[in-house]
Amino acid sequence: MSDHYFSIIRSEILSLLPENCSRVLEVGCGKGNTLEWLRHTQSCEWCGGVELFEGAAEIARPKLDALWHGNVEIMDLPIEPGTLDLVLCLDVLEHLVDPWATVRKLTGYLKGGGSMIVSLPNIRNTQVLMPLLLQGKWTYKDEGILDRTHLRFFVERTAQELLEQAGMTVDMVVEKGLGRSKKSQIVNAMLPRGFRSLFVRQYLLRGRKT
């Protein structure tokens, strides 16, 4: 995994942020740059992170109020249940053995009405389907939808179900990867939803704890 991956500021979540972001936990926080950005732009009072890779974790540590280095699937975080406003899982859950159990665990840390924002690659993308259907190829790569470290694969419906099975209501879905030109936007608007999803590379979803 490239060093650049750990440094990215995930500003594309801006439109999904809830009104209250006072206490935020990011799973897979990398070098802490997204949390640092949130602290300055959303006036977060407390920012905590979980990071599997030690090098990135040590860089993130001085930027955050709390940093836990390790695998979130087997960690018991010393966070009081029902105290967080927002949990971020951005390009993380598809790497886990049991993302369903992890989402349920993380939901427990949220306040009632608190939010979880996740990003998940769309396996129903033409870049995966066309080589599979026409050439019988399913080729893992160093990054992207078929990243060789991905253990779980999702489409929009199963991505929503991942949050719903933890007691959340999905109230926002943003599609990433569709062309942004004026021509592309017109074409996208004309396509039936089922066909448009073939060109979506990633879904950003917000779930609210009910």
Protein backbone atom coordinates (compact mmCIF):
# COMPACT_ATOMS: atom_id res chain seq x y z
CA MET A 1 0.00 0.00 0.00
CA SER A 2 1.51 3.33 -1.09
CA ASP A 3 2.49 5.98 1.44
CA HIS A 4 0.17 8.42 -0.34
CA TYR A 5 -2.83 6.31 0.70
CA PHE A 6 -2.23 7.12 4.39
CA SER A 7 -1.94 10.88 3.76
CA ILE A 8 -5.17 11.54 1.84
CA ILE A 9 -7.63 14.05 3.29
CA ARG A 10 -11.08 12.61 2.57
CA SER A 11 -12.78 15.95 1.93
CA GLU A 12 -15.38 14.26 -0.31
CA ILE A 13 -17.31 13.35 2.86
CA LEU A 14 -18.14 17.02 3.44
CA SER A 15 -21.71 16.76 2.09
CA LEU A 16 -22.42 13.76 4.35
CA LEU A 17 -21.21 15.27 7.62
CA PRO A 18 -23.89 15.58 10.31
CA GLU A 19 -24.59 18.89 11.99
CA ASN A 20 -22.83 17.78 15.17
CA CYS A 21 -19.26 16.47 14.80
CA SER A 22 -18.03 17.20 18.32
CA ARG A 23 -16.68 13.71 19.05
CA VAL A 24 -15.34 11.74 16.08
CA LEU A 25 -13.65 8.35 15.72
CA GLU A 26 -12.01 7.30 12.46
CA VAL A 27 -11.18 3.63 11.87
CA GLY A 28 -8.24 3.41 9.48
CA CYS A 29 -7.18 6.99 10.17
CA GLY A 30 -3.84 6.72 8.34
CA LYS A 31 -1.64 9.66 9.29
CA GLY A 32 -4.58 11.49 10.86
CA ASN A 33 -4.96 14.12 8.14
CA THR A 34 -8.70 13.71 7.66
CA LEU A 35 -9.33 14.03 11.40
CA GLU A 36 -7.03 17.05 11.57
CA TRP A 37 -9.02 18.63 8.71
CA LEU A 38 -12.29 17.91 10.53
CA ARG A 39 -10.98 19.43 13.74
CA HIS A 40 -10.22 22.72 11.98
CA THR A 41 -13.27 22.89 9.70
CA GLN A 42 -15.99 21.41 11.94
CA SER A 43 -14.71 22.50 15.37
CA CYS A 44 -14.42 18.94 16.66
CA GLU A 45 -13.77 18.82 20.40
CA TRP A 46 -12.36 15.26 20.42
CA CYS A 47 -10.81 13.22 17.61
CA GLY A 48 -9.75 9.61 18.01
CA GLY A 49 -8.30 7.17 15.52
CA VAL A 50 -7.60 3.47 15.01
CA GLU A 51 -4.81 2.50 12.62
CA LEU A 52 -3.43 -0.93 11.75
CA PHE A 53 -0.09 0.17 10.27
CA GLU A 54 2.43 1.27 12.88
CA GLY A 55 4.29 3.86 10.79
CA ALA A 56 1.11 5.76 9.92
CA ALA A 57 -0.18 5.41 13.49
CA GLU A 58 2.90 7.04 14.99
CA ILE A 59 2.57 10.01 12.63
CA ALA A 60 -1.12 10.38 13.51
CA ARG A 61 -0.66 10.09 17.27
CA PRO A 62 0.41 13.71 18.07
CA LYS A 63 -2.43 15.09 15.92
CA LEU A 64 -5.22 13.31 17.82
CA ASP A 65 -6.69 13.16 21.28
CA ALA A 66 -6.44 9.36 21.24
CA LEU A 67 -4.82 6.83 18.90
CA TRP A 68 -5.06 3.05 19.07
CA HIS A 69 -2.66 0.98 16.98
CA GLY A 70 -4.02 -2.42 16.02
CA ASN A 71 -6.75 -4.43 14.33
CA VAL A 72 -10.17 -2.96 15.10
CA GLU A 73 -11.79 -6.40 14.72
CA ILE A 74 -10.07 -7.76 17.83
CA MET A 75 -9.74 -4.56 19.88
CA ASP A 76 -11.92 -3.43 22.76
CA LEU A 77 -11.69 0.34 22.53
CA PRO A 78 -11.76 2.20 25.87
CA ILE A 79 -14.57 4.47 24.68
CA GLU A 80 -17.74 4.88 26.70
CA PRO A 81 -20.74 3.49 24.77
CA GLY A 82 -23.16 6.06 23.40
CA THR A 83 -20.70 8.98 23.48
CA LEU A 84 -19.63 9.58 19.87
CA ASP A 85 -21.31 11.83 17.31
CA LEU A 86 -19.59 10.38 14.24
CA VAL A 87 -17.65 7.27 13.24
CA LEU A 88 -15.75 7.17 9.92
CA CYS A 89 -14.92 3.92 8.11
CA LEU A 90 -13.48 5.08 4.79
CA ASP A 91 -12.12 2.30 2.54
CA VAL A 92 -11.76 0.05 5.57
CA LEU A 93 -14.65 -2.39 5.90
CA GLU A 94 -13.92 -4.28 2.69
CA HIS A 95 -10.55 -5.29 4.20
CA LEU A 96 -12.09 -6.96 7.26
CA VAL A 97 -12.95 -10.60 7.89
CA ASP A 98 -16.29 -9.71 9.51
CA PRO A 99 -17.28 -6.12 8.69
CA TRP A 100 -20.85 -6.81 9.88
CA ALA A 101 -19.74 -7.54 13.45
CA THR A 102 -17.35 -4.58 13.39
CA VAL A 103 -20.09 -2.17 12.29
CA ARG A 104 -22.34 -3.46 15.07
CA LYS A 105 -19.54 -2.92 17.60
CA LEU A 106 -18.79 0.60 16.37
CA THR A 107 -22.48 1.53 16.36
CA GLY A 108 -22.48 0.89 20.10
CA TYR A 109 -20.15 3.86 20.59
CA LEU A 110 -22.54 6.25 18.84
CA LYS A 111 -25.06 8.45 20.60
CA GLY A 112 -28.69 8.05 19.63
CA GLY A 113 -28.99 9.91 16.33
CA GLY A 114 -25.22 9.70 15.82
CA SER A 115 -23.85 8.97 12.36
CA MET A 116 -21.49 6.56 10.64
CA ILE A 117 -20.02 7.41 7.24
CA VAL A 118 -18.56 4.57 5.21
CA SER A 119 -17.04 4.30 1.76
CA LEU A 120 -17.13 0.99 -0.10
CA PRO A 121 -16.04 0.03 -3.64
CA ASN A 122 -18.77 -1.12 -6.04
CA ILE A 123 -18.03 -4.60 -7.37
CA ARG A 124 -20.79 -4.13 -10.01
CA ASN A 125 -18.54 -1.75 -11.95
CA THR A 126 -17.87 -2.36 -15.66
CA GLN A 127 -14.10 -2.43 -15.01
CA VAL A 128 -14.70 -5.64 -13.06
CA LEU A 129 -17.64 -7.12 -14.96
CA MET A 130 -16.46 -6.73 -18.56
CA PRO A 131 -13.13 -8.58 -18.15
CA LEU A 132 -14.96 -11.25 -16.14
CA LEU A 133 -17.78 -11.77 -18.65
CA LEU A 134 -15.81 -11.38 -21.89
CA GLN A 135 -12.40 -12.78 -20.95
CA GLY A 136 -12.97 -14.82 -17.81
CA LYS A 137 -10.57 -12.55 -15.91
CA TRP A 138 -10.72 -11.56 -12.26
CA THR A 139 -7.35 -9.91 -11.74
CA TYR A 140 -6.33 -8.54 -8.36
CA LYS A 141 -4.32 -5.30 -8.35
CA ASP A 142 -2.33 -3.17 -5.94
CA GLU A 143 -5.22 -0.70 -5.53
CA GLY A 144 -8.74 0.00 -6.75
CA ILE A 145 -11.90 -2.12 -6.72
CA LEU A 146 -9.94 -5.40 -6.98
CA ASP A 147 -7.28 -4.41 -4.47
CA ARG A 148 -5.59 -7.68 -3.50
CA THR A 149 -6.18 -6.92 0.21
CA HIS A 150 -9.99 -6.75 -0.17
CA LEU A 151 -11.73 -9.63 1.59
CA ARG A 152 -15.37 -8.58 1.13
CA PHE A 153 -17.21 -7.17 -1.88
CA PHE A 154 -20.32 -4.99 -2.01
CA VAL A 155 -22.92 -3.47 -4.29
CA GLU A 156 -25.16 -0.57 -3.26
CA ARG A 157 -27.88 -2.75 -1.72
CA THR A 158 -25.52 -4.89 0.36
CA ALA A 159 -23.59 -1.78 1.43
CA GLN A 160 -26.82 -0.35 2.82
CA GLU A 161 -27.65 -3.65 4.49
CA LEU A 162 -24.26 -3.58 6.21
CA LEU A 163 -25.36 -0.46 8.09
CA GLU A 164 -28.98 -1.48 8.54
CA GLN A 165 -28.13 -4.78 10.23
CA ALA A 166 -26.41 -2.74 12.95
CA GLY A 167 -29.58 -0.78 13.72
CA MET A 168 -28.90 2.24 11.51
CA THR A 169 -31.02 3.99 8.92
CA VAL A 170 -29.22 4.96 5.71
CA ASP A 171 -30.25 8.52 4.95
CA MET A 172 -27.62 9.54 2.37
CA VAL A 173 -25.87 7.75 -0.50
CA VAL A 174 -23.34 9.46 -2.78
CA GLU A 175 -22.06 7.79 -5.95
CA LYS A 176 -18.41 8.30 -6.88
CA GLY A 177 -16.68 7.61 -10.17
CA LEU A 178 -19.31 8.86 -12.62
CA GLY A 179 -18.07 11.44 -15.13
CA ARG A 180 -18.33 15.04 -13.96
CA SER A 181 -18.45 16.77 -17.35
CA LYS A 182 -21.70 18.39 -18.45
CA LYS A 183 -22.12 15.73 -21.15
CA SER A 184 -21.50 12.92 -18.65
CA GLN A 185 -24.03 14.38 -16.21
CA ILE A 186 -26.70 14.48 -18.93
CA VAL A 187 -25.97 10.88 -19.91
CA ASN A 188 -25.98 9.77 -16.26
CA ALA A 189 -29.35 11.46 -15.69
CA MET A 190 -30.84 9.59 -18.67
CA LEU A 191 -29.61 6.17 -17.59
CA PRO A 192 -31.92 3.98 -15.51
CA ARG A 193 -30.54 3.66 -11.98
CA GLY A 194 -29.68 -0.01 -12.49
CA PHE A 195 -27.49 0.79 -15.47
CA ARG A 196 -25.91 3.88 -13.90
CA SER A 197 -24.58 1.74 -11.08
CA LEU A 198 -22.38 -0.09 -13.60
CA PHE A 199 -20.21 3.03 -13.80
CA VAL A 200 -20.06 3.79 -10.06
CA ARG A 201 -16.66 3.02 -8.58
CA GLN A 202 -17.48 3.74 -4.96
CA TYR A 203 -20.42 4.43 -2.67
CA LEU A 204 -20.32 6.86 0.25
CA LEU A 205 -23.11 6.13 2.70
CA ARG A 206 -24.28 7.76 5.91
CA GLY A 207 -26.16 5.74 8.48
CA ARG A 208 -27.89 7.23 11.52
CA LYS A 209 -28.28 5.27 14.73
CA THR A 210 -31.98 4.84 15.45
